[in-house]
Amino acid sequence: MFDTSIEERDDFLLVKLKGDLDVYSKEDFVEFNDKSLKNTDNNLVIDLENLDYIDSTGLGMFINIYKDQEEKEKYVKIINPKENIKKLFKITDLTNLFDMEE
């Protein structure tokens, strides 16, 4: 199961991801990204507290979000990652792209 929610804050959008972000949830996440994130001019804070699993497909989607935000000169910050997700971001060197909460 995969779910998303979004909250507008003063100077950013808080994006909450829940469940598993993988090849099976790709279509749902792409639709969410296209409708809610791609056209925003806000910075993004992505809360991964309730994200249990991510695979290479999910990592690719994060890279797409990063590229979209970079083109708009906006940032992406990742907060509350679980250890397994934080480890995956580290071994793939994605911590260099994202401001990731330790």
PDB file of N, CA and C in Angstrom:
ATOM      1  N   MET A   1       0.827  -1.187   0.000  1.00  0.00           N
ATOM      2  CA  MET A   1       0.000   0.000   0.000  1.00  0.00           C
ATOM      3  C   MET A   1       0.871   1.249   0.000  1.00  0.00           C
ATOM      4  N   PHE A   2       0.450   2.233  -0.757  1.00  0.00           N
ATOM      5  CA  PHE A   2       1.176   3.493  -0.830  1.00  0.00           C
ATOM      6  C   PHE A   2       0.172   4.633  -0.779  1.00  0.00           C
ATOM      7  N   ASP A   3       0.517   5.678  -0.037  1.00  0.00           N
ATOM      8  CA  ASP A   3      -0.379   6.824   0.075  1.00  0.00           C
ATOM      9  C   ASP A   3       0.442   8.097   0.201  1.00  0.00           C
ATOM     10  N   THR A   4      -0.163   9.199  -0.200  1.00  0.00           N
ATOM     11  CA  THR A   4       0.494  10.503  -0.134  1.00  0.00           C
ATOM     12  C   THR A   4      -0.458  11.522   0.466  1.00  0.00           C
ATOM     13  N   SER A   5       0.113  12.540   1.061  1.00  0.00           N
ATOM     14  CA  SER A   5      -0.663  13.709   1.481  1.00  0.00           C
ATOM     15  C   SER A   5       0.235  14.917   1.356  1.00  0.00           C
ATOM     16  N   ILE A   6      -0.396  16.066   1.282  1.00  0.00           N
ATOM     17  CA  ILE A   6       0.366  17.302   1.098  1.00  0.00           C
ATOM     18  C   ILE A   6      -0.277  18.404   1.930  1.00  0.00           C
ATOM     19  N   GLU A   7       0.572  19.190   2.578  1.00  0.00           N
ATOM     20  CA  GLU A   7       0.109  20.313   3.395  1.00  0.00           C
ATOM     21  C   GLU A   7       0.874  21.552   2.977  1.00  0.00           C
ATOM     22  N   GLU A   8       0.152  22.645   2.809  1.00  0.00           N
ATOM     23  CA  GLU A   8       0.824  23.913   2.497  1.00  0.00           C
ATOM     24  C   GLU A   8       1.288  24.556   3.785  1.00  0.00           C
ATOM     25  N   ARG A   9       2.529  24.956   3.816  1.00  0.00           N
ATOM     26  CA  ARG A   9       3.111  25.689   4.941  1.00  0.00           C
ATOM     27  C   ARG A   9       3.496  27.074   4.445  1.00  0.00           C
ATOM     28  N   ASP A  10       4.059  27.893   5.307  1.00  0.00           N
ATOM     29  CA  ASP A  10       4.385  29.270   4.926  1.00  0.00           C
ATOM     30  C   ASP A  10       5.269  29.363   3.690  1.00  0.00           C
ATOM     31  N   ASP A  11       6.383  28.649   3.687  1.00  0.00           N
ATOM     32  CA  ASP A  11       7.327  28.798   2.582  1.00  0.00           C
ATOM     33  C   ASP A  11       7.699  27.471   1.922  1.00  0.00           C
ATOM     34  N   PHE A  12       6.896  26.424   2.160  1.00  0.00           N
ATOM     35  CA  PHE A  12       7.166  25.134   1.525  1.00  0.00           C
ATOM     36  C   PHE A  12       5.908  24.278   1.544  1.00  0.00           C
ATOM     37  N   LEU A  13       5.959  23.200   0.780  1.00  0.00           N
ATOM     38  CA  LEU A  13       4.924  22.169   0.830  1.00  0.00           C
ATOM     39  C   LEU A  13       5.471  20.988   1.613  1.00  0.00           C
ATOM     40  N   LEU A  14       4.706  20.495   2.564  1.00  0.00           N
ATOM     41  CA  LEU A  14       5.076  19.312   3.319  1.00  0.00           C
ATOM     42  C   LEU A  14       4.399  18.119   2.656  1.00  0.00           C
ATOM     43  N   VAL A  15       5.215  17.232   2.121  1.00  0.00           N
ATOM     44  CA  VAL A  15       4.734  16.047   1.412  1.00  0.00           C
ATOM     45  C   VAL A  15       4.985  14.843   2.308  1.00  0.00           C
ATOM     46  N   LYS A  16       3.930  14.101   2.608  1.00  0.00           N
ATOM     47  CA  LYS A  16       4.066  12.910   3.453  1.00  0.00           C
ATOM     48  C   LYS A  16       3.830  11.673   2.597  1.00  0.00           C
ATOM     49  N   LEU A  17       4.764  10.742   2.695  1.00  0.00           N
ATOM     50  CA  LEU A  17       4.661   9.491   1.962  1.00  0.00           C
ATOM     51  C   LEU A  17       4.457   8.355   2.962  1.00  0.00           C
ATOM     52  N   LYS A  18       3.614   7.397   2.590  1.00  0.00           N
ATOM     53  CA  LYS A  18       3.288   6.299   3.500  1.00  0.00           C
ATOM     54  C   LYS A  18       3.271   4.982   2.727  1.00  0.00           C
ATOM     55  N   GLY A  19       3.847   3.957   3.328  1.00  0.00           N
ATOM     56  CA  GLY A  19       3.802   2.621   2.739  1.00  0.00           C
ATOM     57  C   GLY A  19       5.065   2.278   1.988  1.00  0.00           C
ATOM     58  N   ASP A  20       4.899   1.698   0.794  1.00  0.00           N
ATOM     59  CA  ASP A  20       6.018   1.250  -0.031  1.00  0.00           C
ATOM     60  C   ASP A  20       6.057   2.037  -1.332  1.00  0.00           C
ATOM     61  N   LEU A  21       7.195   2.653  -1.613  1.00  0.00           N
ATOM     62  CA  LEU A  21       7.390   3.373  -2.874  1.00  0.00           C
ATOM     63  C   LEU A  21       8.270   2.492  -3.755  1.00  0.00           C
ATOM     64  N   ASP A  22       7.610   1.766  -4.657  1.00  0.00           N
ATOM     65  CA  ASP A  22       8.331   0.801  -5.476  1.00  0.00           C
ATOM     66  C   ASP A  22       7.689   0.710  -6.856  1.00  0.00           C
ATOM     67  N   VAL A  23       8.095  -0.276  -7.606  1.00  0.00           N
ATOM     68  CA  VAL A  23       7.600  -0.437  -8.972  1.00  0.00           C
ATOM     69  C   VAL A  23       6.069  -0.562  -9.002  1.00  0.00           C
ATOM     70  N   TYR A  24       5.484  -1.116  -7.956  1.00  0.00           N
ATOM     71  CA  TYR A  24       4.037  -1.308  -7.914  1.00  0.00           C
ATOM     72  C   TYR A  24       3.272  -0.020  -7.620  1.00  0.00           C
ATOM     73  N   SER A  25       3.907   0.938  -6.975  1.00  0.00           N
ATOM     74  CA  SER A  25       3.237   2.204  -6.654  1.00  0.00           C
ATOM     75  C   SER A  25       3.691   3.339  -7.579  1.00  0.00           C
ATOM     76  N   LYS A  26       4.519   3.026  -8.544  1.00  0.00           N
ATOM     77  CA  LYS A  26       5.071   4.048  -9.434  1.00  0.00           C
ATOM     78  C   LYS A  26       3.981   4.886 -10.097  1.00  0.00           C
ATOM     79  N   GLU A  27       2.977   4.225 -10.643  1.00  0.00           N
ATOM     80  CA  GLU A  27       1.919   4.938 -11.354  1.00  0.00           C
ATOM     81  C   GLU A  27       1.201   5.938 -10.442  1.00  0.00           C
ATOM     82  N   ASP A  28       0.892   5.521  -9.223  1.00  0.00           N
ATOM     83  CA  ASP A  28       0.236   6.412  -8.265  1.00  0.00           C
ATOM     84  C   ASP A  28       1.125   7.600  -7.921  1.00  0.00           C
ATOM     85  N   PHE A  29       2.415   7.334  -7.730  1.00  0.00           N
ATOM     86  CA  PHE A  29       3.320   8.411  -7.354  1.00  0.00           C
ATOM     87  C   PHE A  29       3.550   9.378  -8.515  1.00  0.00           C
ATOM     88  N   VAL A  30       3.669   8.863  -9.719  1.00  0.00           N
ATOM     89  CA  VAL A  30       3.850   9.724 -10.888  1.00  0.00           C
ATOM     90  C   VAL A  30       2.637  10.634 -11.054  1.00  0.00           C
ATOM     91  N   GLU A  31       1.443  10.083 -10.871  1.00  0.00           N
ATOM     92  CA  GLU A  31       0.229  10.888 -10.963  1.00  0.00           C
ATOM     93  C   GLU A  31       0.209  11.975  -9.890  1.00  0.00           C
ATOM     94  N   PHE A  32       0.573  11.615  -8.656  1.00  0.00           N
ATOM     95  CA  PHE A  32       0.651  12.586  -7.562  1.00  0.00           C
ATOM     96  C   PHE A  32       1.675  13.671  -7.880  1.00  0.00           C
ATOM     97  N   ASN A  33       2.844  13.273  -8.362  1.00  0.00           N
ATOM     98  CA  ASN A  33       3.897  14.222  -8.706  1.00  0.00           C
ATOM     99  C   ASN A  33       3.426  15.187  -9.790  1.00  0.00           C
ATOM    100  N   ASP A  34       2.823  14.648 -10.845  1.00  0.00           N
ATOM    101  CA  ASP A  34       2.378  15.485 -11.962  1.00  0.00           C
ATOM    102  C   ASP A  34       1.282  16.458 -11.541  1.00  0.00           C
ATOM    103  N   LYS A  35       0.364  16.021 -10.695  1.00  0.00           N
ATOM    104  CA  LYS A  35      -0.758  16.878 -10.285  1.00  0.00           C
ATOM    105  C   LYS A  35      -0.383  17.873  -9.194  1.00  0.00           C
ATOM    106  N   SER A  36       0.436  17.445  -8.243  1.00  0.00           N
ATOM    107  CA  SER A  36       0.638  18.227  -7.028  1.00  0.00           C
ATOM    108  C   SER A  36       2.004  18.875  -6.875  1.00  0.00           C
ATOM    109  N   LEU A  37       3.040  18.301  -7.462  1.00  0.00           N
ATOM    110  CA  LEU A  37       4.390  18.794  -7.191  1.00  0.00           C
ATOM    111  C   LEU A  37       5.046  19.484  -8.373  1.00  0.00           C
ATOM    112  N   LYS A  38       4.853  18.959  -9.551  1.00  0.00           N
ATOM    113  CA  LYS A  38       5.586  19.440 -10.717  1.00  0.00           C
ATOM    114  C   LYS A  38       5.355  20.919 -11.014  1.00  0.00           C
ATOM    115  N   ASN A  39       4.142  21.380 -10.801  1.00  0.00           N
ATOM    116  CA  ASN A  39       3.801  22.754 -11.170  1.00  0.00           C
ATOM    117  C   ASN A  39       3.840  23.735 -10.009  1.00  0.00           C
ATOM    118  N   THR A  40       4.332  23.295  -8.868  1.00  0.00           N
ATOM    119  CA  THR A  40       4.404  24.202  -7.731  1.00  0.00           C
ATOM    120  C   THR A  40       5.682  25.036  -7.788  1.00  0.00           C
ATOM    121  N   ASP A  41       5.598  26.217  -7.251  1.00  0.00           N
ATOM    122  CA  ASP A  41       6.783  27.065  -7.138  1.00  0.00           C
ATOM    123  C   ASP A  41       7.286  27.110  -5.704  1.00  0.00           C
ATOM    124  N   ASN A  42       6.883  26.137  -4.916  1.00  0.00           N
ATOM    125  CA  ASN A  42       7.289  26.067  -3.517  1.00  0.00           C
ATOM    126  C   ASN A  42       8.456  25.105  -3.339  1.00  0.00           C
ATOM    127  N   ASN A  43       9.216  25.335  -2.277  1.00  0.00           N
ATOM    128  CA  ASN A  43      10.198  24.353  -1.848  1.00  0.00           C
ATOM    129  C   ASN A  43       9.438  23.142  -1.320  1.00  0.00           C
ATOM    130  N   LEU A  44      10.095  21.995  -1.296  1.00  0.00           N
ATOM    131  CA  LEU A  44       9.458  20.773  -0.828  1.00  0.00           C
ATOM    132  C   LEU A  44      10.189  20.209   0.383  1.00  0.00           C
ATOM    133  N   VAL A  45       9.423  19.810   1.381  1.00  0.00           N
ATOM    134  CA  VAL A  45       9.930  19.025   2.497  1.00  0.00           C
ATOM    135  C   VAL A  45       9.170  17.714   2.442  1.00  0.00           C
ATOM    136  N   ILE A  46       9.912  16.624   2.259  1.00  0.00           N
ATOM    137  CA  ILE A  46       9.293  15.315   2.115  1.00  0.00           C
ATOM    138  C   ILE A  46       9.516  14.518   3.398  1.00  0.00           C
ATOM    139  N   ASP A  47       8.413  14.209   4.058  1.00  0.00           N
ATOM    140  CA  ASP A  47       8.441  13.480   5.324  1.00  0.00           C
ATOM    141  C   ASP A  47       8.308  11.984   5.041  1.00  0.00           C
ATOM    142  N   LEU A  48       9.339  11.232   5.397  1.00  0.00           N
ATOM    143  CA  LEU A  48       9.361   9.794   5.141  1.00  0.00           C
ATOM    144  C   LEU A  48       9.102   8.967   6.397  1.00  0.00           C
ATOM    145  N   GLU A  49       8.567   9.590   7.425  1.00  0.00           N
ATOM    146  CA  GLU A  49       8.350   8.886   8.693  1.00  0.00           C
ATOM    147  C   GLU A  49       7.528   7.606   8.509  1.00  0.00           C
ATOM    148  N   ASN A  50       6.552   7.634   7.631  1.00  0.00           N
ATOM    149  CA  ASN A  50       5.678   6.473   7.432  1.00  0.00           C
ATOM    150  C   ASN A  50       5.959   5.721   6.136  1.00  0.00           C
ATOM    151  N   LEU A  51       7.098   6.025   5.509  1.00  0.00           N
ATOM    152  CA  LEU A  51       7.507   5.265   4.329  1.00  0.00           C
ATOM    153  C   LEU A  51       8.329   4.077   4.812  1.00  0.00           C
ATOM    154  N   ASP A  52       7.855   2.884   4.496  1.00  0.00           N
ATOM    155  CA  ASP A  52       8.494   1.674   5.010  1.00  0.00           C
ATOM    156  C   ASP A  52       9.562   1.111   4.082  1.00  0.00           C
ATOM    157  N   TYR A  53       9.380   1.316   2.776  1.00  0.00           N
ATOM    158  CA  TYR A  53      10.262   0.661   1.809  1.00  0.00           C
ATOM    159  C   TYR A  53      10.357   1.510   0.551  1.00  0.00           C
ATOM    160  N   ILE A  54      11.542   1.496  -0.053  1.00  0.00           N
ATOM    161  CA  ILE A  54      11.742   2.159  -1.337  1.00  0.00           C
ATOM    162  C   ILE A  54      12.703   1.302  -2.156  1.00  0.00           C
ATOM    163  N   ASP A  55      12.424   1.168  -3.451  1.00  0.00           N
ATOM    164  CA  ASP A  55      13.327   0.415  -4.327  1.00  0.00           C
ATOM    165  C   ASP A  55      13.946   1.376  -5.347  1.00  0.00           C
ATOM    166  N   SER A  56      14.644   0.825  -6.321  1.00  0.00           N
ATOM    167  CA  SER A  56      15.328   1.674  -7.309  1.00  0.00           C
ATOM    168  C   SER A  56      14.341   2.507  -8.121  1.00  0.00           C
ATOM    169  N   THR A  57      13.151   2.002  -8.344  1.00  0.00           N
ATOM    170  CA  THR A  57      12.121   2.779  -9.042  1.00  0.00           C
ATOM    171  C   THR A  57      11.761   4.010  -8.223  1.00  0.00           C
ATOM    172  N   GLY A  58      11.579   3.821  -6.926  1.00  0.00           N
ATOM    173  CA  GLY A  58      11.281   4.939  -6.029  1.00  0.00           C
ATOM    174  C   GLY A  58      12.415   5.949  -5.982  1.00  0.00           C
ATOM    175  N   LEU A  59      13.651   5.461  -5.947  1.00  0.00           N
ATOM    176  CA  LEU A  59      14.800   6.370  -5.962  1.00  0.00           C
ATOM    177  C   LEU A  59      14.814   7.193  -7.249  1.00  0.00           C
ATOM    178  N   GLY A  60      14.482   6.566  -8.363  1.00  0.00           N
ATOM    179  CA  GLY A  60      14.414   7.288  -9.630  1.00  0.00           C
ATOM    180  C   GLY A  60      13.375   8.390  -9.597  1.00  0.00           C
ATOM    181  N   MET A  61      12.271   8.146  -8.923  1.00  0.00           N
ATOM    182  CA  MET A  61      11.233   9.175  -8.810  1.00  0.00           C
ATOM    183  C   MET A  61      11.720  10.346  -7.962  1.00  0.00           C
ATOM    184  N   PHE A  62      12.506  10.062  -6.929  1.00  0.00           N
ATOM    185  CA  PHE A  62      13.086  11.138  -6.126  1.00  0.00           C
ATOM    186  C   PHE A  62      14.040  11.983  -6.979  1.00  0.00           C
ATOM    187  N   ILE A  63      14.804  11.336  -7.835  1.00  0.00           N
ATOM    188  CA  ILE A  63      15.713  12.070  -8.717  1.00  0.00           C
ATOM    189  C   ILE A  63      14.926  12.969  -9.661  1.00  0.00           C
ATOM    190  N   ASN A  64      13.796  12.492 -10.170  1.00  0.00           N
ATOM    191  CA  ASN A  64      12.951  13.330 -11.033  1.00  0.00           C
ATOM    192  C   ASN A  64      12.431  14.549 -10.283  1.00  0.00           C
ATOM    193  N   ILE A  65      12.018  14.357  -9.039  1.00  0.00           N
ATOM    194  CA  ILE A  65      11.556  15.489  -8.221  1.00  0.00           C
ATOM    195  C   ILE A  65      12.694  16.476  -8.027  1.00  0.00           C
ATOM    196  N   TYR A  66      13.875  15.963  -7.717  1.00  0.00           N
ATOM    197  CA  TYR A  66      15.040  16.836  -7.529  1.00  0.00           C
ATOM    198  C   TYR A  66      15.297  17.671  -8.783  1.00  0.00           C
ATOM    199  N   LYS A  67      15.286  17.042  -9.939  1.00  0.00           N
ATOM    200  CA  LYS A  67      15.545  17.757 -11.198  1.00  0.00           C
ATOM    201  C   LYS A  67      14.491  18.827 -11.462  1.00  0.00           C
ATOM    202  N   ASP A  68      13.226  18.485 -11.231  1.00  0.00           N
ATOM    203  CA  ASP A  68      12.146  19.465 -11.412  1.00  0.00           C
ATOM    204  C   ASP A  68      12.340  20.665 -10.492  1.00  0.00           C
ATOM    205  N   GLN A  69      12.683  20.409  -9.244  1.00  0.00           N
ATOM    206  CA  GLN A  69      12.869  21.499  -8.286  1.00  0.00           C
ATOM    207  C   GLN A  69      14.108  22.321  -8.608  1.00  0.00           C
ATOM    208  N   GLU A  70      15.168  21.653  -9.033  1.00  0.00           N
ATOM    209  CA  GLU A  70      16.405  22.355  -9.371  1.00  0.00           C
ATOM    210  C   GLU A  70      16.179  23.330 -10.530  1.00  0.00           C
ATOM    211  N   GLU A  71      15.398  22.919 -11.524  1.00  0.00           N
ATOM    212  CA  GLU A  71      15.095  23.802 -12.651  1.00  0.00           C
ATOM    213  C   GLU A  71      14.375  25.066 -12.192  1.00  0.00           C
ATOM    214  N   LYS A  72      13.589  24.948 -11.130  1.00  0.00           N
ATOM    215  CA  LYS A  72      12.840  26.092 -10.600  1.00  0.00           C
ATOM    216  C   LYS A  72      13.624  26.834  -9.514  1.00  0.00           C
ATOM    217  N   GLU A  73      14.867  26.381  -9.273  1.00  0.00           N
ATOM    218  CA  GLU A  73      15.729  26.940  -8.226  1.00  0.00           C
ATOM    219  C   GLU A  73      15.078  26.829  -6.853  1.00  0.00           C
ATOM    220  N   LYS A  74      14.462  25.683  -6.611  1.00  0.00           N
ATOM    221  CA  LYS A  74      13.833  25.372  -5.326  1.00  0.00           C
ATOM    222  C   LYS A  74      14.518  24.144  -4.736  1.00  0.00           C
ATOM    223  N   TYR A  75      14.378  23.965  -3.431  1.00  0.00           N
ATOM    224  CA  TYR A  75      15.059  22.850  -2.785  1.00  0.00           C
ATOM    225  C   TYR A  75      14.102  21.724  -2.413  1.00  0.00           C
ATOM    226  N   VAL A  76      14.694  20.571  -2.149  1.00  0.00           N
ATOM    227  CA  VAL A  76      13.983  19.412  -1.618  1.00  0.00           C
ATOM    228  C   VAL A  76      14.709  18.984  -0.354  1.00  0.00           C
ATOM    229  N   LYS A  77      13.977  18.934   0.741  1.00  0.00           N
ATOM    230  CA  LYS A  77      14.541  18.456   2.005  1.00  0.00           C
ATOM    231  C   LYS A  77      13.796  17.186   2.398  1.00  0.00           C
ATOM    232  N   ILE A  78      14.532  16.211   2.872  1.00  0.00           N
ATOM    233  CA  ILE A  78      13.933  14.954   3.306  1.00  0.00           C
ATOM    234  C   ILE A  78      14.078  14.847   4.816  1.00  0.00           C
ATOM    235  N   ILE A  79      12.936  14.586   5.479  1.00  0.00           N
ATOM    236  CA  ILE A  79      12.952  14.474   6.939  1.00  0.00           C
ATOM    237  C   ILE A  79      12.405  13.113   7.369  1.00  0.00           C
ATOM    238  N   ASN A  80      12.794  12.697   8.540  1.00  0.00           N
ATOM    239  CA  ASN A  80      12.313  11.492   9.216  1.00  0.00           C
ATOM    240  C   ASN A  80      12.477  10.187   8.429  1.00  0.00           C
ATOM    241  N   PRO A  81      13.598  10.000   7.739  1.00  0.00           N
ATOM    242  CA  PRO A  81      13.756   8.713   7.038  1.00  0.00           C
ATOM    243  C   PRO A  81      14.076   7.595   8.030  1.00  0.00           C
ATOM    244  N   LYS A  82      13.522   6.432   7.784  1.00  0.00           N
ATOM    245  CA  LYS A  82      13.871   5.262   8.591  1.00  0.00           C
ATOM    246  C   LYS A  82      15.285   4.830   8.216  1.00  0.00           C
ATOM    247  N   GLU A  83      15.907   4.053   9.085  1.00  0.00           N
ATOM    248  CA  GLU A  83      17.307   3.654   8.874  1.00  0.00           C
ATOM    249  C   GLU A  83      17.531   2.973   7.536  1.00  0.00           C
ATOM    250  N   ASN A  84      16.633   2.061   7.146  1.00  0.00           N
ATOM    251  CA  ASN A  84      16.833   1.326   5.896  1.00  0.00           C
ATOM    252  C   ASN A  84      16.768   2.267   4.682  1.00  0.00           C
ATOM    253  N   ILE A  85      15.932   3.268   4.757  1.00  0.00           N
ATOM    254  CA  ILE A  85      15.804   4.218   3.652  1.00  0.00           C
ATOM    255  C   ILE A  85      16.997   5.172   3.643  1.00  0.00           C
ATOM    256  N   LYS A  86      17.399   5.625   4.804  1.00  0.00           N
ATOM    257  CA  LYS A  86      18.565   6.501   4.907  1.00  0.00           C
ATOM    258  C   LYS A  86      19.806   5.792   4.363  1.00  0.00           C
ATOM    259  N   LYS A  87      19.941   4.515   4.693  1.00  0.00           N
ATOM    260  CA  LYS A  87      21.086   3.727   4.228  1.00  0.00           C
ATOM    261  C   LYS A  87      21.084   3.618   2.700  1.00  0.00           C
ATOM    262  N   LEU A  88      19.933   3.391   2.111  1.00  0.00           N
ATOM    263  CA  LEU A  88      19.826   3.292   0.656  1.00  0.00           C
ATOM    264  C   LEU A  88      20.207   4.609  -0.018  1.00  0.00           C
ATOM    265  N   PHE A  89      19.770   5.728   0.538  1.00  0.00           N
ATOM    266  CA  PHE A  89      20.147   7.031  -0.010  1.00  0.00           C
ATOM    267  C   PHE A  89      21.661   7.243   0.094  1.00  0.00           C
ATOM    268  N   LYS A  90      22.254   6.780   1.194  1.00  0.00           N
ATOM    269  CA  LYS A  90      23.704   6.942   1.374  1.00  0.00           C
ATOM    270  C   LYS A  90      24.499   6.101   0.393  1.00  0.00           C
ATOM    271  N   ILE A  91      24.138   4.828   0.238  1.00  0.00           N
ATOM    272  CA  ILE A  91      24.944   3.963  -0.625  1.00  0.00           C
ATOM    273  C   ILE A  91      24.778   4.300  -2.105  1.00  0.00           C
ATOM    274  N   THR A  92      23.728   5.014  -2.442  1.00  0.00           N
ATOM    275  CA  THR A  92      23.534   5.449  -3.833  1.00  0.00           C
ATOM    276  C   THR A  92      23.982   6.894  -4.038  1.00  0.00           C
ATOM    277  N   ASP A  93      24.599   7.482  -3.014  1.00  0.00           N
ATOM    278  CA  ASP A  93      25.104   8.860  -3.048  1.00  0.00           C
ATOM    279  C   ASP A  93      24.022   9.904  -3.278  1.00  0.00           C
ATOM    280  N   LEU A  94      22.777   9.587  -3.005  1.00  0.00           N
ATOM    281  CA  LEU A  94      21.709  10.574  -3.164  1.00  0.00           C
ATOM    282  C   LEU A  94      21.668  11.573  -2.015  1.00  0.00           C
ATOM    283  N   THR A  95      22.373  11.282  -0.935  1.00  0.00           N
ATOM    284  CA  THR A  95      22.433  12.254   0.156  1.00  0.00           C
ATOM    285  C   THR A  95      23.179  13.507  -0.293  1.00  0.00           C
ATOM    286  N   ASN A  96      23.947  13.396  -1.378  1.00  0.00           N
ATOM    287  CA  ASN A  96      24.627  14.574  -1.924  1.00  0.00           C
ATOM    288  C   ASN A  96      23.663  15.499  -2.653  1.00  0.00           C
ATOM    289  N   LEU A  97      22.555  14.969  -3.145  1.00  0.00           N
ATOM    290  CA  LEU A  97      21.573  15.787  -3.862  1.00  0.00           C
ATOM    291  C   LEU A  97      20.560  16.427  -2.925  1.00  0.00           C
ATOM    292  N   PHE A  98      20.175  15.689  -1.915  1.00  0.00           N
ATOM    293  CA  PHE A  98      19.093  16.136  -1.037  1.00  0.00           C
ATOM    294  C   PHE A  98      19.623  16.612   0.309  1.00  0.00           C
ATOM    295  N   ASP A  99      18.954  17.617   0.842  1.00  0.00           N
ATOM    296  CA  ASP A  99      19.186  18.006   2.220  1.00  0.00           C
ATOM    297  C   ASP A  99      18.441  16.986   3.049  1.00  0.00           C
ATOM    298  N   MET A 100      19.164  16.028   3.610  1.00  0.00           N
ATOM    299  CA  MET A 100      18.524  14.932   4.335  1.00  0.00           C
ATOM    300  C   MET A 100      18.807  15.037   5.820  1.00  0.00           C
ATOM    301  N   GLU A 101      17.724  15.015   6.578  1.00  0.00           N
ATOM    302  CA  GLU A 101      17.832  15.058   8.030  1.00  0.00           C
ATOM    303  C   GLU A 101      18.539  13.793   8.500  1.00  0.00           C
ATOM    304  N   GLU A 102      19.510  13.954   9.348  1.00  0.00           N
ATOM    305  CA  GLU A 102      20.251  12.783   9.875  1.00  0.00           C
ATOM    306  C   GLU A 102      19.511  12.097  10.963  1.00  0.00           C
TER     307      GLU A 102
END
